[in-house]
């Protein structure tokens, strides 16, 4: 049931969801001219996820260690958690949902990867 050949199409789909949400949130923050913590959390989440994706691709090609993407992924999740907390009581509900969906996509990807590899 948890055969990687069956479930592998979900990984690029989750990657796409996370990239779309992070890009959309970054565009919203820049267009609104938001300053301070919210802007830096979005820039940090986008940058860390971009570095995590680059290091994951490099590790699949055997260029770097397979564990190099993990610190970047954890930093991304930390930025997203702080962004969700930051936007929780603000009027920017769209940013709350975009960050929450991006974080859920990362967590779903990690849990599915764990289940497929463990099986």
PDB file of N, CA and C in Angstrom:
ATOM      1  N   UNK A   1       0.806  -1.196   0.000  1.00  0.00           N
ATOM      2  CA  UNK A   1       0.000   0.000   0.000  1.00  0.00           C
ATOM      3  C   UNK A   1       0.853   1.266   0.000  1.00  0.00           C
ATOM      4  N   UNK A   2       1.950   1.282   0.747  1.00  0.00           N
ATOM      5  CA  UNK A   2       2.814   2.451   0.794  1.00  0.00           C
ATOM      6  C   UNK A   2       4.008   2.301  -0.138  1.00  0.00           C
ATOM      7  N   UNK A   3       3.786   1.735  -1.283  1.00  0.00           N
ATOM      8  CA  UNK A   3       4.840   1.562  -2.266  1.00  0.00           C
ATOM      9  C   UNK A   3       5.212   2.921  -2.851  1.00  0.00           C
ATOM     10  N   UNK A   4       6.510   3.199  -2.915  1.00  0.00           N
ATOM     11  CA  UNK A   4       6.982   4.501  -3.404  1.00  0.00           C
ATOM     12  C   UNK A   4       6.570   4.739  -4.848  1.00  0.00           C
ATOM     13  N   UNK A   5       6.440   3.692  -5.641  1.00  0.00           N
ATOM     14  CA  UNK A   5       6.036   3.867  -7.049  1.00  0.00           C
ATOM     15  C   UNK A   5       4.609   4.377  -7.156  1.00  0.00           C
ATOM     16  N   UNK A   6       3.776   4.080  -6.178  1.00  0.00           N
ATOM     17  CA  UNK A   6       2.390   4.532  -6.189  1.00  0.00           C
ATOM     18  C   UNK A   6       2.278   5.970  -5.681  1.00  0.00           C
ATOM     19  N   UNK A   7       3.013   6.287  -4.630  1.00  0.00           N
ATOM     20  CA  UNK A   7       2.859   7.567  -3.954  1.00  0.00           C
ATOM     21  C   UNK A   7       3.800   8.658  -4.432  1.00  0.00           C
ATOM     22  N   UNK A   8       4.765   8.348  -5.321  1.00  0.00           N
ATOM     23  CA  UNK A   8       5.734   9.356  -5.725  1.00  0.00           C
ATOM     24  C   UNK A   8       5.122  10.583  -6.389  1.00  0.00           C
ATOM     25  N   UNK A   9       3.987  10.518  -7.090  1.00  0.00           N
ATOM     26  CA  UNK A   9       3.448  11.759  -7.674  1.00  0.00           C
ATOM     27  C   UNK A   9       3.011  12.799  -6.641  1.00  0.00           C
ATOM     28  N   UNK A  10       2.795  12.391  -5.398  1.00  0.00           N
ATOM     29  CA  UNK A  10       2.404  13.358  -4.376  1.00  0.00           C
ATOM     30  C   UNK A  10       3.546  14.291  -3.980  1.00  0.00           C
ATOM     31  N   UNK A  11       4.777  13.833  -4.100  1.00  0.00           N
ATOM     32  CA  UNK A  11       5.911  14.660  -3.690  1.00  0.00           C
ATOM     33  C   UNK A  11       6.037  15.929  -4.534  1.00  0.00           C
ATOM     34  N   UNK A  12       6.018  15.857  -5.872  1.00  0.00           N
ATOM     35  CA  UNK A  12       6.068  17.110  -6.648  1.00  0.00           C
ATOM     36  C   UNK A  12       4.828  17.974  -6.443  1.00  0.00           C
ATOM     37  N   UNK A  13       3.691  17.353  -6.192  1.00  0.00           N
ATOM     38  CA  UNK A  13       2.476  18.126  -5.942  1.00  0.00           C
ATOM     39  C   UNK A  13       2.600  18.934  -4.653  1.00  0.00           C
ATOM     40  N   UNK A  14       3.119  18.311  -3.609  1.00  0.00           N
ATOM     41  CA  UNK A  14       3.306  19.033  -2.351  1.00  0.00           C
ATOM     42  C   UNK A  14       4.364  20.124  -2.503  1.00  0.00           C
ATOM     43  N   UNK A  15       5.405  19.844  -3.274  1.00  0.00           N
ATOM     44  CA  UNK A  15       6.424  20.853  -3.556  1.00  0.00           C
ATOM     45  C   UNK A  15       5.803  22.051  -4.263  1.00  0.00           C
ATOM     46  N   UNK A  16       4.942  21.792  -5.221  1.00  0.00           N
ATOM     47  CA  UNK A  16       4.274  22.862  -5.948  1.00  0.00           C
ATOM     48  C   UNK A  16       3.374  23.688  -5.030  1.00  0.00           C
ATOM     49  N   UNK A  17       2.644  23.029  -4.161  1.00  0.00           N
ATOM     50  CA  UNK A  17       1.758  23.732  -3.221  1.00  0.00           C
ATOM     51  C   UNK A  17       2.583  24.661  -2.325  1.00  0.00           C
ATOM     52  N   UNK A  18       3.685  24.162  -1.803  1.00  0.00           N
ATOM     53  CA  UNK A  18       4.517  24.964  -0.905  1.00  0.00           C
ATOM     54  C   UNK A  18       5.125  26.148  -1.653  1.00  0.00           C
ATOM     55  N   UNK A  19       5.641  25.912  -2.846  1.00  0.00           N
ATOM     56  CA  UNK A  19       6.260  26.992  -3.621  1.00  0.00           C
ATOM     57  C   UNK A  19       5.235  28.056  -3.987  1.00  0.00           C
ATOM     58  N   UNK A  20       4.049  27.635  -4.404  1.00  0.00           N
ATOM     59  CA  UNK A  20       3.004  28.605  -4.760  1.00  0.00           C
ATOM     60  C   UNK A  20       2.598  29.427  -3.536  1.00  0.00           C
ATOM     61  N   UNK A  21       2.390  28.779  -2.405  1.00  0.00           N
ATOM     62  CA  UNK A  21       1.974  29.503  -1.194  1.00  0.00           C
ATOM     63  C   UNK A  21       3.048  30.472  -0.718  1.00  0.00           C
ATOM     64  N   UNK A  22       4.305  30.035  -0.707  1.00  0.00           N
ATOM     65  CA  UNK A  22       5.377  30.912  -0.254  1.00  0.00           C
ATOM     66  C   UNK A  22       5.581  32.091  -1.199  1.00  0.00           C
ATOM     67  N   UNK A  23       5.506  31.838  -2.497  1.00  0.00           N
ATOM     68  CA  UNK A  23       5.665  32.920  -3.471  1.00  0.00           C
ATOM     69  C   UNK A  23       4.507  33.896  -3.378  1.00  0.00           C
ATOM     70  N   UNK A  24       3.303  33.376  -3.282  1.00  0.00           N
ATOM     71  CA  UNK A  24       2.111  34.213  -3.176  1.00  0.00           C
ATOM     72  C   UNK A  24       2.181  35.090  -1.922  1.00  0.00           C
ATOM     73  N   UNK A  25       2.557  34.498  -0.799  1.00  0.00           N
ATOM     74  CA  UNK A  25       2.659  35.261   0.451  1.00  0.00           C
ATOM     75  C   UNK A  25       3.739  36.332   0.350  1.00  0.00           C
ATOM     76  N   UNK A  26       4.854  36.011  -0.278  1.00  0.00           N
ATOM     77  CA  UNK A  26       5.921  36.999  -0.435  1.00  0.00           C
ATOM     78  C   UNK A  26       5.470  38.162  -1.310  1.00  0.00           C
ATOM     79  N   UNK A  27       4.753  37.855  -2.378  1.00  0.00           N
ATOM     80  CA  UNK A  27       4.241  38.908  -3.262  1.00  0.00           C
ATOM     81  C   UNK A  27       3.243  39.791  -2.497  1.00  0.00           C
ATOM     82  N   UNK A  28       2.362  39.189  -1.722  1.00  0.00           N
ATOM     83  CA  UNK A  28       1.378  39.954  -0.948  1.00  0.00           C
ATOM     84  C   UNK A  28       2.079  40.877   0.040  1.00  0.00           C
ATOM     85  N   UNK A  29       3.081  40.382   0.731  1.00  0.00           N
ATOM     86  CA  UNK A  29       3.795  41.190   1.716  1.00  0.00           C
ATOM     87  C   UNK A  29       4.507  42.360   1.042  1.00  0.00           C
ATOM     88  N   UNK A  30       5.147  42.112  -0.088  1.00  0.00           N
ATOM     89  CA  UNK A  30       5.868  43.179  -0.781  1.00  0.00           C
ATOM     90  C   UNK A  30       4.896  44.201  -1.366  1.00  0.00           C
ATOM     91  N   UNK A  31       3.809  43.733  -1.959  1.00  0.00           N
ATOM     92  CA  UNK A  31       2.828  44.660  -2.545  1.00  0.00           C
ATOM     93  C   UNK A  31       2.153  45.539  -1.501  1.00  0.00           C
ATOM     94  N   UNK A  32       1.891  44.989  -0.331  1.00  0.00           N
ATOM     95  CA  UNK A  32       1.267  45.778   0.734  1.00  0.00           C
ATOM     96  C   UNK A  32       2.251  46.738   1.377  1.00  0.00           C
ATOM     97  N   UNK A  33       3.515  46.580   1.069  1.00  0.00           N
ATOM     98  CA  UNK A  33       4.525  47.448   1.654  1.00  0.00           C
ATOM     99  C   UNK A  33       4.737  47.208   3.128  1.00  0.00           C
ATOM    100  N   UNK A  34       4.488  45.977   3.545  1.00  0.00           N
ATOM    101  CA  UNK A  34       4.628  45.654   4.969  1.00  0.00           C
ATOM    102  C   UNK A  34       6.090  45.741   5.383  1.00  0.00           C
ATOM    103  N   UNK A  35       6.304  46.309   6.533  1.00  0.00           N
ATOM    104  CA  UNK A  35       7.648  46.447   7.085  1.00  0.00           C
ATOM    105  C   UNK A  35       7.739  45.625   8.359  1.00  0.00           C
ATOM    106  N   UNK A  36       8.953  45.378   8.791  1.00  0.00           N
ATOM    107  CA  UNK A  36       9.154  44.741  10.083  1.00  0.00           C
ATOM    108  C   UNK A  36       9.174  43.227  10.039  1.00  0.00           C
ATOM    109  N   UNK A  37       8.661  42.660  11.121  1.00  0.00           N
ATOM    110  CA  UNK A  37       8.766  41.217  11.345  1.00  0.00           C
ATOM    111  C   UNK A  37       8.079  40.385  10.269  1.00  0.00           C
ATOM    112  N   UNK A  38       6.880  40.768   9.856  1.00  0.00           N
ATOM    113  CA  UNK A  38       6.144  39.994   8.862  1.00  0.00           C
ATOM    114  C   UNK A  38       6.897  39.863   7.539  1.00  0.00           C
ATOM    115  N   UNK A  39       7.471  40.975   7.104  1.00  0.00           N
ATOM    116  CA  UNK A  39       8.224  40.950   5.844  1.00  0.00           C
ATOM    117  C   UNK A  39       9.454  40.048   5.960  1.00  0.00           C
ATOM    118  N   UNK A  40      10.190  40.169   7.053  1.00  0.00           N
ATOM    119  CA  UNK A  40      11.398  39.365   7.201  1.00  0.00           C
ATOM    120  C   UNK A  40      11.100  37.887   7.419  1.00  0.00           C
ATOM    121  N   UNK A  41       9.981  37.586   8.035  1.00  0.00           N
ATOM    122  CA  UNK A  41       9.604  36.170   8.176  1.00  0.00           C
ATOM    123  C   UNK A  41       9.282  35.561   6.814  1.00  0.00           C
ATOM    124  N   UNK A  42       8.596  36.311   5.958  1.00  0.00           N
ATOM    125  CA  UNK A  42       8.280  35.797   4.619  1.00  0.00           C
ATOM    126  C   UNK A  42       9.537  35.640   3.771  1.00  0.00           C
ATOM    127  N   UNK A  43      10.420  36.626   3.832  1.00  0.00           N
ATOM    128  CA  UNK A  43      11.677  36.528   3.088  1.00  0.00           C
ATOM    129  C   UNK A  43      12.499  35.350   3.605  1.00  0.00           C
ATOM    130  N   UNK A  44      12.541  35.187   4.920  1.00  0.00           N
ATOM    131  CA  UNK A  44      13.288  34.081   5.511  1.00  0.00           C
ATOM    132  C   UNK A  44      12.715  32.723   5.135  1.00  0.00           C
ATOM    133  N   UNK A  45      11.396  32.586   5.183  1.00  0.00           N
ATOM    134  CA  UNK A  45      10.769  31.309   4.827  1.00  0.00           C
ATOM    135  C   UNK A  45      11.024  30.965   3.364  1.00  0.00           C
ATOM    136  N   UNK A  46      10.851  31.954   2.485  1.00  0.00           N
ATOM    137  CA  UNK A  46      11.069  31.708   1.057  1.00  0.00           C
ATOM    138  C   UNK A  46      12.530  31.357   0.781  1.00  0.00           C
ATOM    139  N   UNK A  47      13.452  32.110   1.361  1.00  0.00           N
ATOM    140  CA  UNK A  47      14.882  31.878   1.126  1.00  0.00           C
ATOM    141  C   UNK A  47      15.326  30.520   1.664  1.00  0.00           C
ATOM    142  N   UNK A  48      14.913  30.198   2.869  1.00  0.00           N
ATOM    143  CA  UNK A  48      15.303  28.915   3.460  1.00  0.00           C
ATOM    144  C   UNK A  48      14.722  27.745   2.678  1.00  0.00           C
ATOM    145  N   UNK A  49      13.479  27.888   2.205  1.00  0.00           N
ATOM    146  CA  UNK A  49      12.892  26.797   1.427  1.00  0.00           C
ATOM    147  C   UNK A  49      13.596  26.647   0.082  1.00  0.00           C
ATOM    148  N   UNK A  50      13.963  27.760  -0.517  1.00  0.00           N
ATOM    149  CA  UNK A  50      14.709  27.715  -1.775  1.00  0.00           C
ATOM    150  C   UNK A  50      16.048  27.000  -1.574  1.00  0.00           C
ATOM    151  N   UNK A  51      16.752  27.321  -0.484  1.00  0.00           N
ATOM    152  CA  UNK A  51      18.018  26.643  -0.186  1.00  0.00           C
ATOM    153  C   UNK A  51      17.803  25.161   0.130  1.00  0.00           C
ATOM    154  N   UNK A  52      16.715  24.841   0.806  1.00  0.00           N
ATOM    155  CA  UNK A  52      16.405  23.440   1.103  1.00  0.00           C
ATOM    156  C   UNK A  52      16.149  22.662  -0.184  1.00  0.00           C
ATOM    157  N   UNK A  53      15.417  23.273  -1.110  1.00  0.00           N
ATOM    158  CA  UNK A  53      15.136  22.605  -2.384  1.00  0.00           C
ATOM    159  C   UNK A  53      16.416  22.420  -3.192  1.00  0.00           C
ATOM    160  N   UNK A  54      17.266  23.435  -3.234  1.00  0.00           N
ATOM    161  CA  UNK A  54      18.531  23.310  -3.963  1.00  0.00           C
ATOM    162  C   UNK A  54      19.421  22.233  -3.371  1.00  0.00           C
ATOM    163  N   UNK A  55      19.519  22.190  -2.058  1.00  0.00           N
ATOM    164  CA  UNK A  55      20.366  21.175  -1.434  1.00  0.00           C
ATOM    165  C   UNK A  55      19.765  19.778  -1.578  1.00  0.00           C
ATOM    166  N   UNK A  56      18.434  19.670  -1.613  1.00  0.00           N
ATOM    167  CA  UNK A  56      17.810  18.358  -1.826  1.00  0.00           C
ATOM    168  C   UNK A  56      18.086  17.852  -3.239  1.00  0.00           C
ATOM    169  N   UNK A  57      18.011  18.729  -4.218  1.00  0.00           N
ATOM    170  CA  UNK A  57      18.316  18.340  -5.598  1.00  0.00           C
ATOM    171  C   UNK A  57      19.787  17.948  -5.715  1.00  0.00           C
ATOM    172  N   UNK A  58      20.662  18.724  -5.074  1.00  0.00           N
ATOM    173  CA  UNK A  58      22.093  18.408  -5.114  1.00  0.00           C
ATOM    174  C   UNK A  58      22.380  17.077  -4.428  1.00  0.00           C
ATOM    175  N   UNK A  59      21.668  16.773  -3.359  1.00  0.00           N
ATOM    176  CA  UNK A  59      21.893  15.503  -2.673  1.00  0.00           C
ATOM    177  C   UNK A  59      21.389  14.325  -3.498  1.00  0.00           C
ATOM    178  N   UNK A  60      20.310  14.523  -4.268  1.00  0.00           N
ATOM    179  CA  UNK A  60      19.830  13.450  -5.132  1.00  0.00           C
ATOM    180  C   UNK A  60      20.819  13.138  -6.244  1.00  0.00           C
ATOM    181  N   UNK A  61      21.579  14.135  -6.649  1.00  0.00           N
ATOM    182  CA  UNK A  61      22.599  13.932  -7.687  1.00  0.00           C
ATOM    183  C   UNK A  61      23.922  13.459  -7.118  1.00  0.00           C
ATOM    184  N   UNK A  62      24.015  13.345  -5.788  1.00  0.00           N
ATOM    185  CA  UNK A  62      25.220  12.852  -5.150  1.00  0.00           C
ATOM    186  C   UNK A  62      26.287  13.911  -4.950  1.00  0.00           C
ATOM    187  N   UNK A  63      25.952  15.172  -5.100  1.00  0.00           N
ATOM    188  CA  UNK A  63      26.935  16.249  -4.972  1.00  0.00           C
ATOM    189  C   UNK A  63      27.215  16.565  -3.503  1.00  0.00           C
ATOM    190  N   UNK A  64      26.168  16.558  -2.683  1.00  0.00           N
ATOM    191  CA  UNK A  64      26.315  16.857  -1.253  1.00  0.00           C
ATOM    192  C   UNK A  64      25.632  15.771  -0.438  1.00  0.00           C
ATOM    193  N   UNK A  65      25.783  15.862   0.871  1.00  0.00           N
ATOM    194  CA  UNK A  65      25.174  14.895   1.774  1.00  0.00           C
ATOM    195  C   UNK A  65      23.645  14.962   1.698  1.00  0.00           C
ATOM    196  N   UNK A  66      23.031  13.834   1.914  1.00  0.00           N
ATOM    197  CA  UNK A  66      21.567  13.762   1.878  1.00  0.00           C
ATOM    198  C   UNK A  66      20.928  14.489   3.056  1.00  0.00           C
ATOM    199  N   UNK A  67      21.707  14.812   4.061  1.00  0.00           N
ATOM    200  CA  UNK A  67      21.175  15.461   5.259  1.00  0.00           C
ATOM    201  C   UNK A  67      21.331  16.980   5.237  1.00  0.00           C
ATOM    202  N   UNK A  68      21.932  17.526   4.199  1.00  0.00           N
ATOM    203  CA  UNK A  68      22.192  18.965   4.148  1.00  0.00           C
ATOM    204  C   UNK A  68      20.915  19.785   4.079  1.00  0.00           C
ATOM    205  N   UNK A  69      19.859  19.254   3.485  1.00  0.00           N
ATOM    206  CA  UNK A  69      18.629  20.042   3.340  1.00  0.00           C
ATOM    207  C   UNK A  69      17.846  20.165   4.654  1.00  0.00           C
ATOM    208  N   UNK A  70      18.117  19.320   5.619  1.00  0.00           N
ATOM    209  CA  UNK A  70      17.332  19.311   6.856  1.00  0.00           C
ATOM    210  C   UNK A  70      17.423  20.605   7.671  1.00  0.00           C
ATOM    211  N   UNK A  71      18.621  21.178   7.883  1.00  0.00           N
ATOM    212  CA  UNK A  71      18.637  22.447   8.632  1.00  0.00           C
ATOM    213  C   UNK A  71      17.858  23.558   7.922  1.00  0.00           C
ATOM    214  N   UNK A  72      17.938  23.608   6.605  1.00  0.00           N
ATOM    215  CA  UNK A  72      17.190  24.620   5.858  1.00  0.00           C
ATOM    216  C   UNK A  72      15.686  24.380   5.979  1.00  0.00           C
ATOM    217  N   UNK A  73      15.286  23.124   5.958  1.00  0.00           N
ATOM    218  CA  UNK A  73      13.876  22.791   6.107  1.00  0.00           C
ATOM    219  C   UNK A  73      13.369  23.160   7.502  1.00  0.00           C
ATOM    220  N   UNK A  74      14.169  22.891   8.510  1.00  0.00           N
ATOM    221  CA  UNK A  74      13.776  23.242   9.880  1.00  0.00           C
ATOM    222  C   UNK A  74      13.684  24.753  10.041  1.00  0.00           C
ATOM    223  N   UNK A  75      14.634  25.493   9.444  1.00  0.00           N
ATOM    224  CA  UNK A  75      14.562  26.956   9.501  1.00  0.00           C
ATOM    225  C   UNK A  75      13.322  27.479   8.776  1.00  0.00           C
ATOM    226  N   UNK A  76      12.975  26.851   7.656  1.00  0.00           N
ATOM    227  CA  UNK A  76      11.759  27.234   6.942  1.00  0.00           C
ATOM    228  C   UNK A  76      10.541  27.019   7.819  1.00  0.00           C
ATOM    229  N   UNK A  77      10.472  25.865   8.457  1.00  0.00           N
ATOM    230  CA  UNK A  77       9.329  25.573   9.314  1.00  0.00           C
ATOM    231  C   UNK A  77       9.267  26.520  10.509  1.00  0.00           C
ATOM    232  N   UNK A  78      10.419  26.889  11.046  1.00  0.00           N
ATOM    233  CA  UNK A  78      10.448  27.847  12.149  1.00  0.00           C
ATOM    234  C   UNK A  78       9.932  29.213  11.679  1.00  0.00           C
ATOM    235  N   UNK A  79      10.385  29.665  10.503  1.00  0.00           N
ATOM    236  CA  UNK A  79       9.891  30.941   9.959  1.00  0.00           C
ATOM    237  C   UNK A  79       8.385  30.886   9.718  1.00  0.00           C
ATOM    238  N   UNK A  80       7.900  29.760   9.199  1.00  0.00           N
ATOM    239  CA  UNK A  80       6.467  29.639   8.942  1.00  0.00           C
ATOM    240  C   UNK A  80       5.658  29.610  10.239  1.00  0.00           C
ATOM    241  N   UNK A  81       6.160  28.918  11.241  1.00  0.00           N
ATOM    242  CA  UNK A  81       5.478  28.897  12.543  1.00  0.00           C
ATOM    243  C   UNK A  81       5.403  30.304  13.128  1.00  0.00           C
ATOM    244  N   UNK A  82       6.512  31.023  13.084  1.00  0.00           N
ATOM    245  CA  UNK A  82       6.522  32.391  13.603  1.00  0.00           C
ATOM    246  C   UNK A  82       5.627  33.307  12.782  1.00  0.00           C
ATOM    247  N   UNK A  83       5.554  33.083  11.469  1.00  0.00           N
ATOM    248  CA  UNK A  83       4.664  33.885  10.628  1.00  0.00           C
ATOM    249  C   UNK A  83       3.203  33.597  10.948  1.00  0.00           C
ATOM    250  N   UNK A  84       2.870  32.334  11.174  1.00  0.00           N
ATOM    251  CA  UNK A  84       1.492  31.987  11.539  1.00  0.00           C
ATOM    252  C   UNK A  84       1.126  32.654  12.870  1.00  0.00           C
ATOM    253  N   UNK A  85       2.039  32.605  13.828  1.00  0.00           N
ATOM    254  CA  UNK A  85       1.792  33.267  15.119  1.00  0.00           C
ATOM    255  C   UNK A  85       1.665  34.776  14.922  1.00  0.00           C
ATOM    256  N   UNK A  86       2.528  35.345  14.090  1.00  0.00           N
ATOM    257  CA  UNK A  86       2.512  36.795  13.848  1.00  0.00           C
ATOM    258  C   UNK A  86       1.193  37.248  13.215  1.00  0.00           C
ATOM    259  N   UNK A  87       0.688  36.483  12.258  1.00  0.00           N
ATOM    260  CA  UNK A  87      -0.524  36.872  11.538  1.00  0.00           C
ATOM    261  C   UNK A  87      -1.810  36.381  12.210  1.00  0.00           C
ATOM    262  N   UNK A  88      -1.691  35.660  13.314  1.00  0.00           N
ATOM    263  CA  UNK A  88      -2.860  35.068  13.964  1.00  0.00           C
ATOM    264  C   UNK A  88      -3.888  36.123  14.360  1.00  0.00           C
ATOM    265  N   UNK A  89      -3.444  37.204  14.954  1.00  0.00           N
ATOM    266  CA  UNK A  89      -4.371  38.233  15.436  1.00  0.00           C
ATOM    267  C   UNK A  89      -4.387  39.470  14.553  1.00  0.00           C
ATOM    268  N   UNK A  90      -3.788  39.388  13.396  1.00  0.00           N
ATOM    269  CA  UNK A  90      -3.785  40.559  12.520  1.00  0.00           C
ATOM    270  C   UNK A  90      -4.959  40.484  11.550  1.00  0.00           C
ATOM    271  N   UNK A  91      -5.097  41.513  10.767  1.00  0.00           N
ATOM    272  CA  UNK A  91      -6.187  41.548   9.788  1.00  0.00           C
ATOM    273  C   UNK A  91      -5.800  40.862   8.475  1.00  0.00           C
ATOM    274  N   UNK A  92      -4.568  40.392   8.380  1.00  0.00           N
ATOM    275  CA  UNK A  92      -4.090  39.741   7.158  1.00  0.00           C
ATOM    276  C   UNK A  92      -4.349  38.232   7.213  1.00  0.00           C
ATOM    277  N   UNK A  93      -5.615  37.853   7.127  1.00  0.00           N
ATOM    278  CA  UNK A  93      -5.976  36.437   7.229  1.00  0.00           C
ATOM    279  C   UNK A  93      -5.434  35.628   6.049  1.00  0.00           C
ATOM    280  N   UNK A  94      -5.301  36.266   4.883  1.00  0.00           N
ATOM    281  CA  UNK A  94      -4.780  35.536   3.719  1.00  0.00           C
ATOM    282  C   UNK A  94      -3.348  35.084   3.971  1.00  0.00           C
ATOM    283  N   UNK A  95      -2.549  35.924   4.614  1.00  0.00           N
ATOM    284  CA  UNK A  95      -1.171  35.540   4.911  1.00  0.00           C
ATOM    285  C   UNK A  95      -1.119  34.433   5.951  1.00  0.00           C
ATOM    286  N   UNK A  96      -2.041  34.461   6.886  1.00  0.00           N
ATOM    287  CA  UNK A  96      -2.126  33.374   7.862  1.00  0.00           C
ATOM    288  C   UNK A  96      -2.380  32.051   7.151  1.00  0.00           C
ATOM    289  N   UNK A  97      -3.355  32.030   6.248  1.00  0.00           N
ATOM    290  CA  UNK A  97      -3.697  30.794   5.556  1.00  0.00           C
ATOM    291  C   UNK A  97      -2.613  30.344   4.582  1.00  0.00           C
ATOM    292  N   UNK A  98      -1.987  31.264   3.881  1.00  0.00           N
ATOM    293  CA  UNK A  98      -0.916  30.890   2.960  1.00  0.00           C
ATOM    294  C   UNK A  98       0.259  30.257   3.703  1.00  0.00           C
ATOM    295  N   UNK A  99       0.628  30.850   4.831  1.00  0.00           N
ATOM    296  CA  UNK A  99       1.725  30.284   5.619  1.00  0.00           C
ATOM    297  C   UNK A  99       1.344  28.949   6.243  1.00  0.00           C
ATOM    298  N   UNK A 100       0.112  28.826   6.698  1.00  0.00           N
ATOM    299  CA  UNK A 100      -0.339  27.564   7.298  1.00  0.00           C
ATOM    300  C   UNK A 100      -0.380  26.444   6.262  1.00  0.00           C
ATOM    301  N   UNK A 101      -0.850  26.746   5.054  1.00  0.00           N
ATOM    302  CA  UNK A 101      -0.897  25.726   3.999  1.00  0.00           C
ATOM    303  C   UNK A 101       0.511  25.329   3.572  1.00  0.00           C
ATOM    304  N   UNK A 102       1.418  26.305   3.471  1.00  0.00           N
ATOM    305  CA  UNK A 102       2.802  25.985   3.120  1.00  0.00           C
ATOM    306  C   UNK A 102       3.436  25.092   4.182  1.00  0.00           C
ATOM    307  N   UNK A 103       3.208  25.418   5.436  1.00  0.00           N
ATOM    308  CA  UNK A 103       3.758  24.611   6.523  1.00  0.00           C
ATOM    309  C   UNK A 103       3.145  23.207   6.515  1.00  0.00           C
ATOM    310  N   UNK A 104       1.851  23.112   6.279  1.00  0.00           N
ATOM    311  CA  UNK A 104       1.192  21.800   6.200  1.00  0.00           C
ATOM    312  C   UNK A 104       1.752  20.984   5.037  1.00  0.00           C
ATOM    313  N   UNK A 105       2.045  21.636   3.926  1.00  0.00           N
ATOM    314  CA  UNK A 105       2.635  20.927   2.788  1.00  0.00           C
ATOM    315  C   UNK A 105       4.003  20.359   3.113  1.00  0.00           C
ATOM    316  N   UNK A 106       4.812  21.132   3.834  1.00  0.00           N
ATOM    317  CA  UNK A 106       6.136  20.644   4.228  1.00  0.00           C
ATOM    318  C   UNK A 106       6.009  19.473   5.193  1.00  0.00           C
ATOM    319  N   UNK A 107       5.102  19.589   6.151  1.00  0.00           N
ATOM    320  CA  UNK A 107       4.915  18.505   7.121  1.00  0.00           C
ATOM    321  C   UNK A 107       4.340  17.251   6.462  1.00  0.00           C
ATOM    322  N   UNK A 108       3.430  17.427   5.511  1.00  0.00           N
ATOM    323  CA  UNK A 108       2.865  16.281   4.796  1.00  0.00           C
ATOM    324  C   UNK A 108       3.935  15.593   3.957  1.00  0.00           C
ATOM    325  N   UNK A 109       4.786  16.374   3.313  1.00  0.00           N
ATOM    326  CA  UNK A 109       5.873  15.807   2.522  1.00  0.00           C
ATOM    327  C   UNK A 109       6.820  14.999   3.409  1.00  0.00           C
ATOM    328  N   UNK A 110       7.181  15.560   4.554  1.00  0.00           N
ATOM    329  CA  UNK A 110       8.093  14.862   5.461  1.00  0.00           C
ATOM    330  C   UNK A 110       7.473  13.583   6.010  1.00  0.00           C
ATOM    331  N   UNK A 111       6.206  13.649   6.375  1.00  0.00           N
ATOM    332  CA  UNK A 111       5.573  12.450   6.940  1.00  0.00           C
ATOM    333  C   UNK A 111       5.375  11.367   5.883  1.00  0.00           C
ATOM    334  N   UNK A 112       4.999  11.750   4.674  1.00  0.00           N
ATOM    335  CA  UNK A 112       4.854  10.754   3.612  1.00  0.00           C
ATOM    336  C   UNK A 112       6.204  10.144   3.258  1.00  0.00           C
ATOM    337  N   UNK A 113       7.245  10.965   3.234  1.00  0.00           N
ATOM    338  CA  UNK A 113       8.585  10.446   2.963  1.00  0.00           C
ATOM    339  C   UNK A 113       8.997   9.450   4.038  1.00  0.00           C
ATOM    340  N   UNK A 114       8.711   9.771   5.284  1.00  0.00           N
ATOM    341  CA  UNK A 114       9.022   8.864   6.386  1.00  0.00           C
ATOM    342  C   UNK A 114       8.277   7.546   6.256  1.00  0.00           C
ATOM    343  N   UNK A 115       6.980   7.619   5.924  1.00  0.00           N
ATOM    344  CA  UNK A 115       6.186   6.392   5.802  1.00  0.00           C
ATOM    345  C   UNK A 115       6.623   5.529   4.627  1.00  0.00           C
ATOM    346  N   UNK A 116       6.933   6.157   3.506  1.00  0.00           N
ATOM    347  CA  UNK A 116       7.347   5.393   2.316  1.00  0.00           C
ATOM    348  C   UNK A 116       8.705   4.757   2.529  1.00  0.00           C
ATOM    349  N   UNK A 117       9.638   5.490   3.121  1.00  0.00           N
ATOM    350  CA  UNK A 117      10.981   4.948   3.339  1.00  0.00           C
ATOM    351  C   UNK A 117      10.952   3.882   4.419  1.00  0.00           C
ATOM    352  N   UNK A 118      10.164   4.085   5.460  1.00  0.00           N
ATOM    353  CA  UNK A 118      10.098   3.117   6.553  1.00  0.00           C
ATOM    354  C   UNK A 118       9.436   1.819   6.121  1.00  0.00           C
ATOM    355  N   UNK A 119       8.481   1.939   5.233  1.00  0.00           N
ATOM    356  CA  UNK A 119       7.751   0.755   4.783  1.00  0.00           C
ATOM    357  C   UNK A 119       8.685  -0.095   3.986  1.00  0.00           C
TER     358      UNK A 119
END
